[in-house]
């Protein structure tokens, strides 16, 4: 069973795009809306901080059916970071592997990367960052500095495949490289370089990536 974890500003429909690929290879796929997305309740997202708690009841439900011999978590962008946050705290023998596409390593580092890419002066960035951190903590109980998907990854032992476009300008590939180095389980990666007419982060993945994912899953 593939449990798909969608990205920021998205919904379960993102995962449904993979249905044909998995179903034609005899894999079921479970898609859902994170809190604050699609048809789920909630007014905001937290980029994984609270979304990680959406995963456990899904896995418990799939266990209760006694029809699912193994689960593969497949996360993209926010969903990839969420999968890492979940796995570092919830070892589960039913989860046989994880597919991690374009995660961020630390939210604070990603914010700095984005600000640097648009050439925000350092003094302005520091003021904005402090303001945003204080207000997010006050209103949403969400601390930017504590959202770190790298924490505890050296203890995660399930097989993983990491995917990232070298042309990604939204989440630079260095984030996946840092995570890959930290990850404690069997691991492989595909840093792909196909160029797209739009931002590589949001672009459809080339066919070679789909084949690589299927090969990884079949070997679990």
C-alpha atoms as a PDB file:
ATOM      1  CA  UNK A   1       0.000   0.000   0.000  1.00  0.00           C
ATOM      2  CA  UNK A   2       1.338   3.412  -1.024  1.00  0.00           C
ATOM      3  CA  UNK A   3       0.282   6.215   1.354  1.00  0.00           C
ATOM      4  CA  UNK A   4       0.796   9.481  -0.511  1.00  0.00           C
ATOM      5  CA  UNK A   5       1.594  12.677   1.399  1.00  0.00           C
ATOM      6  CA  UNK A   6       0.902  15.756  -0.706  1.00  0.00           C
ATOM      7  CA  UNK A   7       2.744  19.063  -0.804  1.00  0.00           C
ATOM      8  CA  UNK A   8       2.022  22.603   0.327  1.00  0.00           C
ATOM      9  CA  UNK A   9      -1.040  24.374  -1.171  1.00  0.00           C
ATOM     10  CA  UNK A  10      -2.245  21.060  -2.565  1.00  0.00           C
ATOM     11  CA  UNK A  11      -4.585  18.164  -1.760  1.00  0.00           C
ATOM     12  CA  UNK A  12      -5.206  14.450  -2.197  1.00  0.00           C
ATOM     13  CA  UNK A  13      -5.738  15.104  -5.929  1.00  0.00           C
ATOM     14  CA  UNK A  14      -1.972  15.414  -6.258  1.00  0.00           C
ATOM     15  CA  UNK A  15      -1.565  11.810  -5.158  1.00  0.00           C
ATOM     16  CA  UNK A  16      -4.360  10.653  -7.453  1.00  0.00           C
ATOM     17  CA  UNK A  17      -2.136  11.618 -10.384  1.00  0.00           C
ATOM     18  CA  UNK A  18       0.054   8.640  -9.449  1.00  0.00           C
ATOM     19  CA  UNK A  19      -2.843   6.179  -9.286  1.00  0.00           C
ATOM     20  CA  UNK A  20      -2.485   4.736 -12.781  1.00  0.00           C
ATOM     21  CA  UNK A  21       1.240   4.131 -12.312  1.00  0.00           C
ATOM     22  CA  UNK A  22       0.792   2.233  -9.068  1.00  0.00           C
ATOM     23  CA  UNK A  23      -2.469   0.438  -9.812  1.00  0.00           C
ATOM     24  CA  UNK A  24      -1.134  -0.893 -13.113  1.00  0.00           C
ATOM     25  CA  UNK A  25       1.729  -2.445 -11.121  1.00  0.00           C
ATOM     26  CA  UNK A  26      -0.595  -4.074  -8.566  1.00  0.00           C
ATOM     27  CA  UNK A  27      -0.070  -1.507  -5.796  1.00  0.00           C
ATOM     28  CA  UNK A  28      -2.919   0.235  -4.009  1.00  0.00           C
ATOM     29  CA  UNK A  29      -2.589   3.923  -3.191  1.00  0.00           C
ATOM     30  CA  UNK A  30      -4.142   5.776  -0.251  1.00  0.00           C
ATOM     31  CA  UNK A  31      -4.572   9.540  -0.700  1.00  0.00           C
ATOM     32  CA  UNK A  32      -5.917  12.063   1.789  1.00  0.00           C
ATOM     33  CA  UNK A  33      -6.000  15.775   2.596  1.00  0.00           C
ATOM     34  CA  UNK A  34      -3.723  17.094   5.311  1.00  0.00           C
ATOM     35  CA  UNK A  35      -5.302  19.361   7.912  1.00  0.00           C
ATOM     36  CA  UNK A  36      -6.212  22.704   6.362  1.00  0.00           C
ATOM     37  CA  UNK A  37      -6.085  21.293   2.817  1.00  0.00           C
ATOM     38  CA  UNK A  38      -8.716  20.081   0.372  1.00  0.00           C
ATOM     39  CA  UNK A  39     -11.802  18.867   2.218  1.00  0.00           C
ATOM     40  CA  UNK A  40     -10.119  18.576   5.616  1.00  0.00           C
ATOM     41  CA  UNK A  41     -11.020  20.879   8.491  1.00  0.00           C
ATOM     42  CA  UNK A  42      -8.584  23.551   9.606  1.00  0.00           C
ATOM     43  CA  UNK A  43      -7.672  27.035   8.449  1.00  0.00           C
ATOM     44  CA  UNK A  44      -3.913  26.771   8.075  1.00  0.00           C
ATOM     45  CA  UNK A  45      -1.015  24.418   7.410  1.00  0.00           C
ATOM     46  CA  UNK A  46       2.209  24.113   9.390  1.00  0.00           C
ATOM     47  CA  UNK A  47       4.506  22.550   6.767  1.00  0.00           C
ATOM     48  CA  UNK A  48       4.782  19.299   8.689  1.00  0.00           C
ATOM     49  CA  UNK A  49       4.825  20.428  12.325  1.00  0.00           C
ATOM     50  CA  UNK A  50       1.231  19.342  12.920  1.00  0.00           C
ATOM     51  CA  UNK A  51       0.669  17.395   9.689  1.00  0.00           C
ATOM     52  CA  UNK A  52       2.885  14.601  11.007  1.00  0.00           C
ATOM     53  CA  UNK A  53       0.113  13.731  13.467  1.00  0.00           C
ATOM     54  CA  UNK A  54      -2.275  13.040  10.568  1.00  0.00           C
ATOM     55  CA  UNK A  55      -0.257   9.987   9.546  1.00  0.00           C
ATOM     56  CA  UNK A  56      -0.570   7.789  12.632  1.00  0.00           C
ATOM     57  CA  UNK A  57      -4.384   7.348  12.555  1.00  0.00           C
ATOM     58  CA  UNK A  58      -4.166   6.437   8.884  1.00  0.00           C
ATOM     59  CA  UNK A  59      -1.596   3.739   9.563  1.00  0.00           C
ATOM     60  CA  UNK A  60      -3.617   2.478  12.532  1.00  0.00           C
ATOM     61  CA  UNK A  61      -6.714   2.274  10.330  1.00  0.00           C
ATOM     62  CA  UNK A  62      -4.844   0.338   7.634  1.00  0.00           C
ATOM     63  CA  UNK A  63      -3.538  -2.035  10.304  1.00  0.00           C
ATOM     64  CA  UNK A  64      -7.067  -2.611  11.579  1.00  0.00           C
ATOM     65  CA  UNK A  65      -8.219  -3.870   8.165  1.00  0.00           C
ATOM     66  CA  UNK A  66      -5.656  -6.707   8.322  1.00  0.00           C
ATOM     67  CA  UNK A  67      -5.472  -6.432   4.538  1.00  0.00           C
ATOM     68  CA  UNK A  68      -2.255  -4.405   4.260  1.00  0.00           C
ATOM     69  CA  UNK A  69       1.002  -6.396   4.558  1.00  0.00           C
ATOM     70  CA  UNK A  70       3.244  -3.343   4.199  1.00  0.00           C
ATOM     71  CA  UNK A  71       3.097   0.415   3.744  1.00  0.00           C
ATOM     72  CA  UNK A  72       5.325   2.735   1.746  1.00  0.00           C
ATOM     73  CA  UNK A  73       5.117   6.423   2.641  1.00  0.00           C
ATOM     74  CA  UNK A  74       5.549   8.587  -0.448  1.00  0.00           C
ATOM     75  CA  UNK A  75       5.968  12.269   0.349  1.00  0.00           C
ATOM     76  CA  UNK A  76       6.553  15.246  -1.883  1.00  0.00           C
ATOM     77  CA  UNK A  77       7.783  18.670  -0.685  1.00  0.00           C
ATOM     78  CA  UNK A  78       5.835  19.393   2.541  1.00  0.00           C
ATOM     79  CA  UNK A  79       4.678  15.780   2.482  1.00  0.00           C
ATOM     80  CA  UNK A  80       8.273  14.567   2.243  1.00  0.00           C
ATOM     81  CA  UNK A  81       9.298  16.649   5.259  1.00  0.00           C
ATOM     82  CA  UNK A  82       6.221  15.370   7.099  1.00  0.00           C
ATOM     83  CA  UNK A  83       7.143  11.761   6.371  1.00  0.00           C
ATOM     84  CA  UNK A  84      10.619  12.319   7.820  1.00  0.00           C
ATOM     85  CA  UNK A  85       9.222  14.021  10.929  1.00  0.00           C
ATOM     86  CA  UNK A  86       6.837  11.120  11.452  1.00  0.00           C
ATOM     87  CA  UNK A  87       9.374   8.341  10.887  1.00  0.00           C
ATOM     88  CA  UNK A  88      11.907   9.838  13.309  1.00  0.00           C
ATOM     89  CA  UNK A  89       9.352   9.522  16.127  1.00  0.00           C
ATOM     90  CA  UNK A  90       7.233   6.530  15.114  1.00  0.00           C
ATOM     91  CA  UNK A  91       9.169   3.397  14.160  1.00  0.00           C
ATOM     92  CA  UNK A  92       6.678   0.890  12.785  1.00  0.00           C
ATOM     93  CA  UNK A  93       7.421  -2.536  11.243  1.00  0.00           C
ATOM     94  CA  UNK A  94       4.476  -2.109   8.866  1.00  0.00           C
ATOM     95  CA  UNK A  95       6.262   0.788   7.134  1.00  0.00           C
ATOM     96  CA  UNK A  96       8.620  -1.004   4.752  1.00  0.00           C
ATOM     97  CA  UNK A  97      10.112   2.032   3.024  1.00  0.00           C
ATOM     98  CA  UNK A  98       9.791   5.720   2.259  1.00  0.00           C
ATOM     99  CA  UNK A  99       9.957   7.764  -0.943  1.00  0.00           C
ATOM    100  CA  UNK A 100      11.146  11.314  -0.248  1.00  0.00           C
ATOM    101  CA  UNK A 101      10.845  13.850  -3.077  1.00  0.00           C
ATOM    102  CA  UNK A 102      12.180  17.409  -2.613  1.00  0.00           C
ATOM    103  CA  UNK A 103      12.046  17.870   1.173  1.00  0.00           C
ATOM    104  CA  UNK A 104      13.451  20.769   3.172  1.00  0.00           C
ATOM    105  CA  UNK A 105      16.022  19.968   5.844  1.00  0.00           C
ATOM    106  CA  UNK A 106      15.219  22.860   8.198  1.00  0.00           C
ATOM    107  CA  UNK A 107      12.420  25.381   7.787  1.00  0.00           C
ATOM    108  CA  UNK A 108      14.612  28.189   9.120  1.00  0.00           C
ATOM    109  CA  UNK A 109      17.260  27.355   6.504  1.00  0.00           C
ATOM    110  CA  UNK A 110      14.663  27.274   3.737  1.00  0.00           C
ATOM    111  CA  UNK A 111      13.329  30.698   4.728  1.00  0.00           C
ATOM    112  CA  UNK A 112      16.868  32.080   4.542  1.00  0.00           C
ATOM    113  CA  UNK A 113      17.396  30.502   1.123  1.00  0.00           C
ATOM    114  CA  UNK A 114      14.203  32.062  -0.217  1.00  0.00           C
ATOM    115  CA  UNK A 115      15.064  35.484   1.186  1.00  0.00           C
ATOM    116  CA  UNK A 116      18.584  35.304  -0.246  1.00  0.00           C
ATOM    117  CA  UNK A 117      17.234  34.335  -3.668  1.00  0.00           C
ATOM    118  CA  UNK A 118      15.224  37.546  -3.838  1.00  0.00           C
ATOM    119  CA  UNK A 119      18.118  39.563  -2.392  1.00  0.00           C
ATOM    120  CA  UNK A 120      16.466  40.799   0.788  1.00  0.00           C
ATOM    121  CA  UNK A 121      18.896  42.951   2.841  1.00  0.00           C
ATOM    122  CA  UNK A 122      20.201  41.146   5.910  1.00  0.00           C
ATOM    123  CA  UNK A 123      18.892  43.707   8.411  1.00  0.00           C
ATOM    124  CA  UNK A 124      15.402  43.504   6.895  1.00  0.00           C
ATOM    125  CA  UNK A 125      15.461  39.715   6.874  1.00  0.00           C
ATOM    126  CA  UNK A 126      16.398  39.532  10.560  1.00  0.00           C
ATOM    127  CA  UNK A 127      13.545  41.844  11.516  1.00  0.00           C
ATOM    128  CA  UNK A 128      11.024  39.994   9.352  1.00  0.00           C
ATOM    129  CA  UNK A 129      12.174  36.616  10.649  1.00  0.00           C
ATOM    130  CA  UNK A 130      11.839  37.660  14.298  1.00  0.00           C
ATOM    131  CA  UNK A 131       8.384  39.131  13.629  1.00  0.00           C
ATOM    132  CA  UNK A 132       7.172  36.043  11.762  1.00  0.00           C
ATOM    133  CA  UNK A 133       8.552  33.662  14.385  1.00  0.00           C
ATOM    134  CA  UNK A 134       6.878  35.519  17.251  1.00  0.00           C
ATOM    135  CA  UNK A 135       3.500  35.741  15.535  1.00  0.00           C
ATOM    136  CA  UNK A 136       3.429  32.158  14.298  1.00  0.00           C
ATOM    137  CA  UNK A 137       4.210  30.973  17.809  1.00  0.00           C
ATOM    138  CA  UNK A 138       1.589  33.230  19.355  1.00  0.00           C
ATOM    139  CA  UNK A 139      -1.253  32.545  16.913  1.00  0.00           C
ATOM    140  CA  UNK A 140      -0.587  28.976  15.734  1.00  0.00           C
ATOM    141  CA  UNK A 141       1.720  27.534  18.426  1.00  0.00           C
ATOM    142  CA  UNK A 142       4.227  26.875  15.654  1.00  0.00           C
ATOM    143  CA  UNK A 143       7.975  27.575  16.031  1.00  0.00           C
ATOM    144  CA  UNK A 144       9.933  27.993  12.799  1.00  0.00           C
ATOM    145  CA  UNK A 145      13.206  27.068  14.483  1.00  0.00           C
ATOM    146  CA  UNK A 146      11.841  23.781  15.817  1.00  0.00           C
ATOM    147  CA  UNK A 147      10.649  22.469  12.449  1.00  0.00           C
ATOM    148  CA  UNK A 148      13.674  20.371  11.578  1.00  0.00           C
ATOM    149  CA  UNK A 149      13.016  17.136   9.617  1.00  0.00           C
ATOM    150  CA  UNK A 150      16.668  16.161  10.097  1.00  0.00           C
ATOM    151  CA  UNK A 151      16.260  15.598  13.838  1.00  0.00           C
ATOM    152  CA  UNK A 152      16.591  11.922  14.734  1.00  0.00           C
ATOM    153  CA  UNK A 153      17.012  10.666  11.163  1.00  0.00           C
ATOM    154  CA  UNK A 154      20.173   8.776  12.061  1.00  0.00           C
ATOM    155  CA  UNK A 155      17.927   6.424  14.071  1.00  0.00           C
ATOM    156  CA  UNK A 156      15.528   5.659  11.198  1.00  0.00           C
ATOM    157  CA  UNK A 157      16.417   2.308   9.640  1.00  0.00           C
ATOM    158  CA  UNK A 158      13.784   1.641   6.950  1.00  0.00           C
ATOM    159  CA  UNK A 159      14.984   1.774   3.317  1.00  0.00           C
ATOM    160  CA  UNK A 160      14.539   5.156   1.637  1.00  0.00           C
ATOM    161  CA  UNK A 161      14.921   6.703  -1.782  1.00  0.00           C
ATOM    162  CA  UNK A 162      15.561  10.444  -2.052  1.00  0.00           C
ATOM    163  CA  UNK A 163      14.632  12.413  -5.168  1.00  0.00           C
ATOM    164  CA  UNK A 164      15.400  16.028  -6.049  1.00  0.00           C
ATOM    165  CA  UNK A 165      15.851  18.153  -9.147  1.00  0.00           C
ATOM    166  CA  UNK A 166      19.198  19.911  -9.324  1.00  0.00           C
ATOM    167  CA  UNK A 167      17.313  22.811 -10.966  1.00  0.00           C
ATOM    168  CA  UNK A 168      14.931  23.290  -8.031  1.00  0.00           C
ATOM    169  CA  UNK A 169      14.943  26.965  -7.106  1.00  0.00           C
ATOM    170  CA  UNK A 170      12.235  26.787  -4.430  1.00  0.00           C
ATOM    171  CA  UNK A 171      13.862  24.132  -2.241  1.00  0.00           C
ATOM    172  CA  UNK A 172      17.527  23.876  -3.270  1.00  0.00           C
ATOM    173  CA  UNK A 173      18.943  20.383  -3.648  1.00  0.00           C
ATOM    174  CA  UNK A 174      21.340  21.004  -0.752  1.00  0.00           C
ATOM    175  CA  UNK A 175      18.408  20.247   1.580  1.00  0.00           C
ATOM    176  CA  UNK A 176      18.058  16.698   0.254  1.00  0.00           C
ATOM    177  CA  UNK A 177      21.812  16.263   0.298  1.00  0.00           C
ATOM    178  CA  UNK A 178      21.958  17.185   4.001  1.00  0.00           C
ATOM    179  CA  UNK A 179      19.073  14.842   4.809  1.00  0.00           C
ATOM    180  CA  UNK A 180      20.589  12.021   2.762  1.00  0.00           C
ATOM    181  CA  UNK A 181      23.864  12.307   4.644  1.00  0.00           C
ATOM    182  CA  UNK A 182      22.054  12.229   8.011  1.00  0.00           C
ATOM    183  CA  UNK A 183      19.714   9.328   7.207  1.00  0.00           C
ATOM    184  CA  UNK A 184      20.553   6.157   9.112  1.00  0.00           C
ATOM    185  CA  UNK A 185      18.854   3.434   7.083  1.00  0.00           C
ATOM    186  CA  UNK A 186      19.577   1.846   3.685  1.00  0.00           C
ATOM    187  CA  UNK A 187      19.320   4.653   1.159  1.00  0.00           C
ATOM    188  CA  UNK A 188      19.613   5.584  -2.476  1.00  0.00           C
ATOM    189  CA  UNK A 189      19.121   8.787  -4.404  1.00  0.00           C
ATOM    190  CA  UNK A 190      18.257  10.197  -7.801  1.00  0.00           C
ATOM    191  CA  UNK A 191      19.386  13.776  -8.347  1.00  0.00           C
ATOM    192  CA  UNK A 192      17.870  14.455 -11.748  1.00  0.00           C
ATOM    193  CA  UNK A 193      18.676  17.347 -14.055  1.00  0.00           C
ATOM    194  CA  UNK A 194      15.932  17.513 -16.691  1.00  0.00           C
ATOM    195  CA  UNK A 195      15.098  21.122 -17.467  1.00  0.00           C
ATOM    196  CA  UNK A 196      11.530  22.357 -17.512  1.00  0.00           C
ATOM    197  CA  UNK A 197       9.763  25.415 -18.830  1.00  0.00           C
ATOM    198  CA  UNK A 198       8.418  26.098 -15.330  1.00  0.00           C
ATOM    199  CA  UNK A 199       9.861  25.762 -11.843  1.00  0.00           C
ATOM    200  CA  UNK A 200      11.482  22.349 -11.442  1.00  0.00           C
ATOM    201  CA  UNK A 201      10.094  21.986  -7.929  1.00  0.00           C
ATOM    202  CA  UNK A 202       6.483  21.839  -9.109  1.00  0.00           C
ATOM    203  CA  UNK A 203       7.006  20.245 -12.516  1.00  0.00           C
ATOM    204  CA  UNK A 204       5.839  16.700 -13.344  1.00  0.00           C
ATOM    205  CA  UNK A 205       8.613  14.193 -12.747  1.00  0.00           C
ATOM    206  CA  UNK A 206      10.208  12.596 -15.836  1.00  0.00           C
ATOM    207  CA  UNK A 207       9.312   8.949 -16.631  1.00  0.00           C
ATOM    208  CA  UNK A 208      12.714   7.750 -15.427  1.00  0.00           C
ATOM    209  CA  UNK A 209      11.799   8.856 -11.891  1.00  0.00           C
ATOM    210  CA  UNK A 210       8.569   6.866 -11.923  1.00  0.00           C
ATOM    211  CA  UNK A 211      10.489   3.786 -13.029  1.00  0.00           C
ATOM    212  CA  UNK A 212      13.106   4.321 -10.325  1.00  0.00           C
ATOM    213  CA  UNK A 213      10.400   4.583  -7.644  1.00  0.00           C
ATOM    214  CA  UNK A 214       8.693   1.381  -8.824  1.00  0.00           C
ATOM    215  CA  UNK A 215      12.027  -0.457  -8.828  1.00  0.00           C
ATOM    216  CA  UNK A 216      12.721   0.717  -5.280  1.00  0.00           C
ATOM    217  CA  UNK A 217       9.300  -0.426  -4.064  1.00  0.00           C
ATOM    218  CA  UNK A 218       9.517  -3.816  -5.784  1.00  0.00           C
ATOM    219  CA  UNK A 219      12.827  -4.503  -4.026  1.00  0.00           C
ATOM    220  CA  UNK A 220      11.410  -3.894  -0.538  1.00  0.00           C
END
